[in-house]
Structures are given as C-alpha cells and as structure tokens.
C-alpha cells in the first residue's frame, strides 16, 4: 500500500494535464462513493429566509453605525 505522502510526492512529477485528469478522476470517484450518503436538501420557508436577511441587515447597520 502506498502512503498519502508518497502519492502527494508522485503527483509533483505529473504534468499539469495529468494532474487535472487525476483531479477529475478523484472527484468522479468520490461523487460515486458518496451518492445516496448525503442528506436531502433542507427546505426553508420564505418567512425564515426573510427573518435571516432582516437580522443580517440589522447587524450590518449596527456595524456601520459603530464606525
């Protein structure tokens, strides 16, 4: 088995194109392995979102007023 440090060292010898191909390969494999493992997207009501925005705007106003 090859260690992560050995893999990292070996990738430095690859060309830019080869490193890009390796990155795509790893991303595709991670995506396949994690398929179905991620939780479903969370749903927020319009009211919740508007409340967060209002809170953020109030915080921004407080910061501006303090300076």
Protein backbone atom coordinates (compact mmCIF):
# COMPACT_ATOMS: atom_id res chain seq x y z
CA UNK A 1 0.00 0.00 0.00
CA UNK A 2 1.22 3.45 -0.88
CA UNK A 3 1.04 6.23 1.70
CA UNK A 4 -0.66 9.54 1.06
CA UNK A 5 2.70 11.28 1.38
CA UNK A 6 4.13 9.07 -1.38
CA UNK A 7 1.14 9.83 -3.60
CA UNK A 8 1.48 13.56 -2.98
CA UNK A 9 5.16 13.39 -3.84
CA UNK A 10 4.48 11.41 -7.02
CA UNK A 11 1.87 13.90 -8.22
CA UNK A 12 4.52 16.62 -8.28
CA UNK A 13 6.15 14.72 -11.13
CA UNK A 14 2.96 14.75 -13.22
CA UNK A 15 2.31 17.29 -15.90
CA UNK A 16 -0.42 19.88 -15.42
CA UNK A 17 -2.72 17.92 -17.76
CA UNK A 18 -2.10 14.69 -15.85
CA UNK A 19 -2.80 16.38 -12.51
CA UNK A 20 -6.05 17.79 -13.91
CA UNK A 21 -7.04 14.31 -15.13
CA UNK A 22 -6.20 12.87 -11.71
CA UNK A 23 -8.31 15.53 -10.02
CA UNK A 24 -11.30 14.77 -12.26
CA UNK A 25 -10.83 11.03 -11.66
CA UNK A 26 -10.78 11.51 -7.88
CA UNK A 27 -13.79 13.84 -7.91
CA UNK A 28 -15.84 11.43 -10.02
CA UNK A 29 -14.99 8.51 -7.76
CA UNK A 30 -15.78 10.46 -4.59
CA UNK A 31 -19.10 11.55 -6.07
CA UNK A 32 -19.98 7.93 -6.91
CA UNK A 33 -18.98 6.67 -3.46
CA UNK A 34 -20.97 9.36 -1.69
CA UNK A 35 -24.06 9.00 -3.84
CA UNK A 36 -27.00 8.48 -1.56
CA UNK A 37 -24.98 9.29 1.56
CA UNK A 38 -25.68 13.00 1.62
CA UNK A 39 -28.80 14.21 3.34
CA UNK A 40 -31.57 15.69 1.23
CA UNK A 41 -31.50 19.46 0.77
CA UNK A 42 -33.04 21.38 3.62
CA UNK A 43 -36.15 23.41 2.90
CA UNK A 44 -36.69 26.81 4.45
CA UNK A 45 -39.84 28.85 4.46
CA UNK A 46 -39.93 32.30 2.90
CA UNK A 47 -40.52 33.74 6.37
CA UNK A 48 -37.38 32.08 7.79
CA UNK A 49 -35.24 33.42 4.96
CA UNK A 50 -36.70 36.91 5.26
CA UNK A 51 -36.05 36.83 9.01
CA UNK A 52 -32.40 35.89 8.46
CA UNK A 53 -31.98 38.65 5.90
CA UNK A 54 -33.54 41.21 8.23
CA UNK A 55 -31.27 40.08 11.06
CA UNK A 56 -28.23 40.31 8.80
CA UNK A 57 -29.22 43.79 7.62
CA UNK A 58 -29.69 44.93 11.24
CA UNK A 59 -26.26 43.55 12.17
CA UNK A 60 -24.70 45.36 9.21
CA UNK A 61 -26.39 48.61 10.23
CA UNK A 62 -25.04 48.21 13.78
CA UNK A 63 -21.52 47.70 12.44
CA UNK A 64 -21.75 50.75 10.19
CA UNK A 65 -23.18 52.91 12.98
CA UNK A 66 -20.37 51.84 15.32
CA UNK A 67 -17.65 53.02 12.93
